[in-house]
Amino acid sequence: MNKYLDISAEVSEALASGKPVVALESTIISHGMPYPKNVETALEVEKIIRENGAVPATIAIIGGRLKAGLSAEEIEYFGKKGAEIAKASRRDLPVLIARGQDGACTVTTTMMIAHMAGISVFATGGIGGVHRGAETTMDISADLEELGQTPVMVICAGAKSILDLGLTLEYLETKGVPVIGYGTEELPAFYTRKSGFGVDYRLDTPKELAAAFHAKQEMGLKGGMLVANPIPEEYAMDADTINKAIDQAVAESREQGIHGKATTPFLLARVKDLTGGDSLESNIQLVFNNARVAAKTAVELAGMK
């Protein structure tokens, strides 16, 4: 086992006995929502995973240690510190570990640490991707590179609609990452169920998802699998409303010279403000929905090993 990795007793026992485990990221706690909503949401997601037969493993970096499975107290700590905690992608890990600092795990680092711990299924909100204007800025999320090399199934509500979704799909295709629509043939766009872009395959049950990922593992193929699970209809936002807010937020970010890892938190916060908070509620509900699907898929996958 990696000497920098601490696996909680609950998660360790589950892995040792072949029980289903679902990884969860910590950036959504520190950077995704205000306190105390962030802590309430994180604890509710863990509860949903347990109710659906799996063990939750929220992943973070605390005091220079990679953590797979946080206590309620550690989640509270993350929620209160919020954006004071460094947002940690692959490039940040060596320095954070060497300095003994905290780090909030993105999709990238959650995949990395989950794989180190032996966890194959990960539920999140939405992945990063190719940013609008990337043909000149080269602003492309490390999430896509990680999906191309780390064997973890990522269940999300598609790529965040602040991105260039067409280029994001092209990048994933180049990296050999299967994009699966859960009950849909169209890539969901985070806040909305439709984007106008198709997925590679449609699968309709957790058993089908597990079987596809199990086959990938059995063949020894590198890289992950992306499962795009549409936001529930009742929580989906009006496409015109959300797109107008996104366009304005993107324009403001360019005017203010915001780039790199600060881009996504800025855009999501502005979209929340511009939609009167409606986007935050949609964000929370889609995470809950992804957690349910991930837990059921992890249960099916555990039965195949």
Foldseek 3Di string as FASTA:
>chain_A
DPPQEDEDPVRLVCVVVLFFEAEEFQLCQQQVDAPPVSLVLVVVLQVLLVVLGYGYFYWWQAQLGTYGRDDSVVSVVSNVCRPVAAADAPVRNVVCNVRRGIYTYALRVSLVNCVVVPHAEYEYAEHFAAAPPCVPVVAGDCNLVSQLFGAHEYEYQYHALLGDRVVRLVSNVVSVAAEEEAQDQARGHRLGGHDPHGGPYYDHALLVVLVVSVVCVVVVPGGYYYYNYHQPPVLRDDPVQLVVQSVVQVVVCVVVVHDDPVNPSSSSVSSCVSVVNSSVVSSSRRSSVRSSSRSNNSNSNSVVD
